């Protein structure tokens, strides 16, 4: 489930930055490149910053709640 959420976030970021680059400022294309490079590096290193963020913000809350007495 976490992988699907990460892919959805990455796809949303890419599409949003492309729209912003076209309509607002071309500098937004750097964000598109940043997301793409992170996807590429995660395929080699198996480490993803978004996964760490989601684990700390969302998924650990469920684990912590299940550990309560």
N, C-alpha and C. Protein backbone atom coordinates (compact mmCIF):
# COMPACT_ATOMS: atom_id res chain seq x y z
N UNK A 1 0.82 -1.19 0.00
CA UNK A 1 0.00 0.00 0.00
C UNK A 1 0.87 1.26 0.00
N UNK A 2 1.94 1.23 0.76
CA UNK A 2 2.81 2.40 0.84
C UNK A 2 3.42 2.73 -0.52
N UNK A 3 3.81 1.70 -1.28
CA UNK A 3 4.39 1.94 -2.60
C UNK A 3 3.39 2.62 -3.54
N UNK A 4 2.14 2.23 -3.45
CA UNK A 4 1.12 2.86 -4.30
C UNK A 4 0.93 4.32 -3.94
N UNK A 5 0.97 4.63 -2.66
CA UNK A 5 0.83 6.01 -2.21
C UNK A 5 2.01 6.84 -2.69
N UNK A 6 3.22 6.28 -2.58
CA UNK A 6 4.42 7.00 -3.02
C UNK A 6 4.37 7.26 -4.52
N UNK A 7 3.96 6.28 -5.29
CA UNK A 7 3.84 6.46 -6.74
C UNK A 7 2.80 7.51 -7.09
N UNK A 8 1.70 7.52 -6.36
CA UNK A 8 0.66 8.53 -6.61
C UNK A 8 1.17 9.93 -6.27
N UNK A 9 1.90 10.06 -5.18
CA UNK A 9 2.46 11.36 -4.81
C UNK A 9 3.46 11.82 -5.85
N UNK A 10 4.35 10.92 -6.27
CA UNK A 10 5.36 11.28 -7.27
C UNK A 10 4.70 11.70 -8.58
N UNK A 11 3.72 10.95 -9.02
CA UNK A 11 3.01 11.31 -10.25
C UNK A 11 2.31 12.65 -10.14
N UNK A 12 1.70 12.90 -8.99
CA UNK A 12 1.02 14.17 -8.77
C UNK A 12 2.02 15.32 -8.77
N UNK A 13 3.16 15.14 -8.09
CA UNK A 13 4.19 16.18 -8.07
C UNK A 13 4.69 16.48 -9.47
N UNK A 14 4.93 15.45 -10.26
CA UNK A 14 5.44 15.65 -11.62
C UNK A 14 4.42 16.39 -12.48
N UNK A 15 3.17 15.95 -12.47
CA UNK A 15 2.16 16.61 -13.28
C UNK A 15 1.91 18.04 -12.83
N UNK A 16 1.86 18.25 -11.51
CA UNK A 16 1.65 19.59 -10.99
C UNK A 16 2.80 20.53 -11.36
N UNK A 17 4.04 20.03 -11.25
CA UNK A 17 5.17 20.89 -11.58
C UNK A 17 5.24 21.18 -13.08
N UNK A 18 4.80 20.24 -13.91
CA UNK A 18 4.74 20.51 -15.35
C UNK A 18 3.72 21.60 -15.67
N UNK A 19 2.56 21.53 -15.02
CA UNK A 19 1.54 22.57 -15.23
C UNK A 19 2.04 23.92 -14.73
N UNK A 20 2.65 23.94 -13.54
CA UNK A 20 3.18 25.19 -13.00
C UNK A 20 4.30 25.73 -13.88
N UNK A 21 5.13 24.86 -14.42
CA UNK A 21 6.20 25.29 -15.31
C UNK A 21 5.68 25.91 -16.58
N UNK A 22 4.60 25.39 -17.08
CA UNK A 22 4.03 25.91 -18.33
C UNK A 22 3.28 27.22 -18.10
N UNK A 23 2.47 27.28 -17.04
CA UNK A 23 1.61 28.44 -16.84
C UNK A 23 2.19 29.52 -15.93
N UNK A 24 3.09 29.16 -15.01
CA UNK A 24 3.57 30.13 -14.02
C UNK A 24 5.00 30.57 -14.31
N UNK A 25 5.93 29.62 -14.22
CA UNK A 25 7.34 29.97 -14.38
C UNK A 25 8.09 28.70 -14.75
N UNK A 26 8.99 28.81 -15.71
CA UNK A 26 9.75 27.66 -16.19
C UNK A 26 10.67 27.07 -15.13
N UNK A 27 10.94 27.80 -14.06
CA UNK A 27 11.79 27.30 -12.99
C UNK A 27 11.16 26.09 -12.29
N UNK A 28 9.85 25.91 -12.41
CA UNK A 28 9.18 24.75 -11.80
C UNK A 28 9.64 23.44 -12.44
N UNK A 29 10.21 23.49 -13.63
CA UNK A 29 10.72 22.27 -14.26
C UNK A 29 11.87 21.67 -13.46
N UNK A 30 12.56 22.47 -12.66
CA UNK A 30 13.61 21.94 -11.80
C UNK A 30 13.01 21.00 -10.75
N UNK A 31 11.82 21.29 -10.30
CA UNK A 31 11.15 20.39 -9.35
C UNK A 31 10.80 19.06 -10.02
N UNK A 32 10.39 19.13 -11.28
CA UNK A 32 10.12 17.91 -12.04
C UNK A 32 11.38 17.06 -12.13
N UNK A 33 12.51 17.70 -12.42
CA UNK A 33 13.78 16.99 -12.50
C UNK A 33 14.16 16.40 -11.14
N UNK A 34 13.93 17.14 -10.08
CA UNK A 34 14.24 16.66 -8.73
C UNK A 34 13.45 15.40 -8.40
N UNK A 35 12.17 15.39 -8.69
CA UNK A 35 11.35 14.21 -8.42
C UNK A 35 11.81 13.03 -9.27
N UNK A 36 12.10 13.29 -10.53
CA UNK A 36 12.58 12.23 -11.41
C UNK A 36 13.90 11.65 -10.95
N UNK A 37 14.82 12.50 -10.53
CA UNK A 37 16.11 12.02 -10.03
C UNK A 37 15.94 11.21 -8.75
N UNK A 38 15.03 11.62 -7.89
CA UNK A 38 14.77 10.85 -6.67
C UNK A 38 14.18 9.48 -6.99
N UNK A 39 13.31 9.42 -7.98
CA UNK A 39 12.77 8.12 -8.40
C UNK A 39 13.88 7.23 -8.95
N UNK A 40 14.77 7.82 -9.73
CA UNK A 40 15.86 7.05 -10.31
C UNK A 40 16.82 6.54 -9.23
N UNK A 41 17.22 7.42 -8.31
CA UNK A 41 18.15 6.98 -7.26
C UNK A 41 17.51 5.94 -6.35
N UNK A 42 16.21 6.05 -6.11
CA UNK A 42 15.56 5.06 -5.24
C UNK A 42 15.51 3.68 -5.89
N UNK A 43 15.52 3.63 -7.21
CA UNK A 43 15.54 2.33 -7.89
C UNK A 43 16.88 1.63 -7.71
N UNK A 44 17.95 2.40 -7.51
CA UNK A 44 19.27 1.82 -7.29
C UNK A 44 19.57 1.57 -5.82
N UNK A 45 19.18 2.50 -4.96
CA UNK A 45 19.56 2.43 -3.55
C UNK A 45 18.49 1.80 -2.66
N UNK A 46 17.27 1.70 -3.16
CA UNK A 46 16.13 1.20 -2.39
C UNK A 46 15.83 2.07 -1.17
N UNK A 47 16.21 3.34 -1.24
CA UNK A 47 15.90 4.31 -0.20
C UNK A 47 15.10 5.43 -0.82
N UNK A 48 14.01 5.81 -0.14
CA UNK A 48 13.13 6.85 -0.66
C UNK A 48 12.79 7.81 0.48
N UNK A 49 13.06 9.08 0.25
CA UNK A 49 12.79 10.10 1.26
C UNK A 49 11.30 10.16 1.58
N UNK A 50 10.45 10.08 0.57
CA UNK A 50 9.01 10.15 0.80
C UNK A 50 8.54 8.99 1.66
N UNK A 51 9.14 7.83 1.50
CA UNK A 51 8.79 6.68 2.33
C UNK A 51 9.12 6.96 3.80
N UNK A 52 10.29 7.55 4.03
CA UNK A 52 10.67 7.90 5.41
C UNK A 52 9.71 8.93 6.00
N UNK A 53 9.34 9.92 5.20
CA UNK A 53 8.42 10.96 5.67
C UNK A 53 7.06 10.35 6.01
N UNK A 54 6.54 9.52 5.13
CA UNK A 54 5.23 8.91 5.38
C UNK A 54 5.27 7.98 6.58
N UNK A 55 6.35 7.25 6.73
CA UNK A 55 6.47 6.36 7.89
C UNK A 55 6.47 7.15 9.19
N UNK A 56 7.13 8.29 9.21
CA UNK A 56 7.18 9.09 10.43
C UNK A 56 5.89 9.83 10.70
N UNK A 57 5.21 10.29 9.66
CA UNK A 57 4.01 11.11 9.85
C UNK A 57 2.72 10.30 9.97
N UNK A 58 2.57 9.28 9.14
CA UNK A 58 1.28 8.62 9.02
C UNK A 58 1.29 7.19 9.55
N UNK A 59 2.17 6.38 9.04
CA UNK A 59 2.09 4.96 9.30
C UNK A 59 2.53 4.59 10.71
N UNK A 60 3.39 5.34 11.33
CA UNK A 60 3.78 5.04 12.71
C UNK A 60 2.68 5.39 13.70
N UNK A 61 1.81 6.29 13.35
CA UNK A 61 0.68 6.62 14.22
C UNK A 61 -0.21 5.40 14.41
N UNK A 62 -0.45 4.66 13.34
CA UNK A 62 -1.28 3.47 13.44
C UNK A 62 -0.60 2.41 14.30
N UNK A 63 0.71 2.26 14.13
CA UNK A 63 1.45 1.29 14.95
C UNK A 63 1.43 1.71 16.41
N UNK A 64 1.63 3.00 16.67
CA UNK A 64 1.65 3.49 18.05
C UNK A 64 0.27 3.34 18.70
N UNK A 65 -0.78 3.58 17.94
CA UNK A 65 -2.13 3.45 18.49
C UNK A 65 -2.46 1.99 18.81
N UNK A 66 -1.93 1.06 18.02
CA UNK A 66 -2.22 -0.36 18.27
C UNK A 66 -1.44 -0.88 19.48
N UNK A 67 -0.38 -0.17 19.88
CA UNK A 67 0.42 -0.61 21.02
C UNK A 67 -0.10 -0.08 22.34
N UNK A 68 -1.10 0.80 22.31
CA UNK A 68 -1.66 1.34 23.53
C UNK A 68 -2.42 0.24 24.29
N UNK A 69 -2.42 0.31 25.63
CA UNK A 69 -3.11 -0.73 26.42
C UNK A 69 -4.63 -0.65 26.30
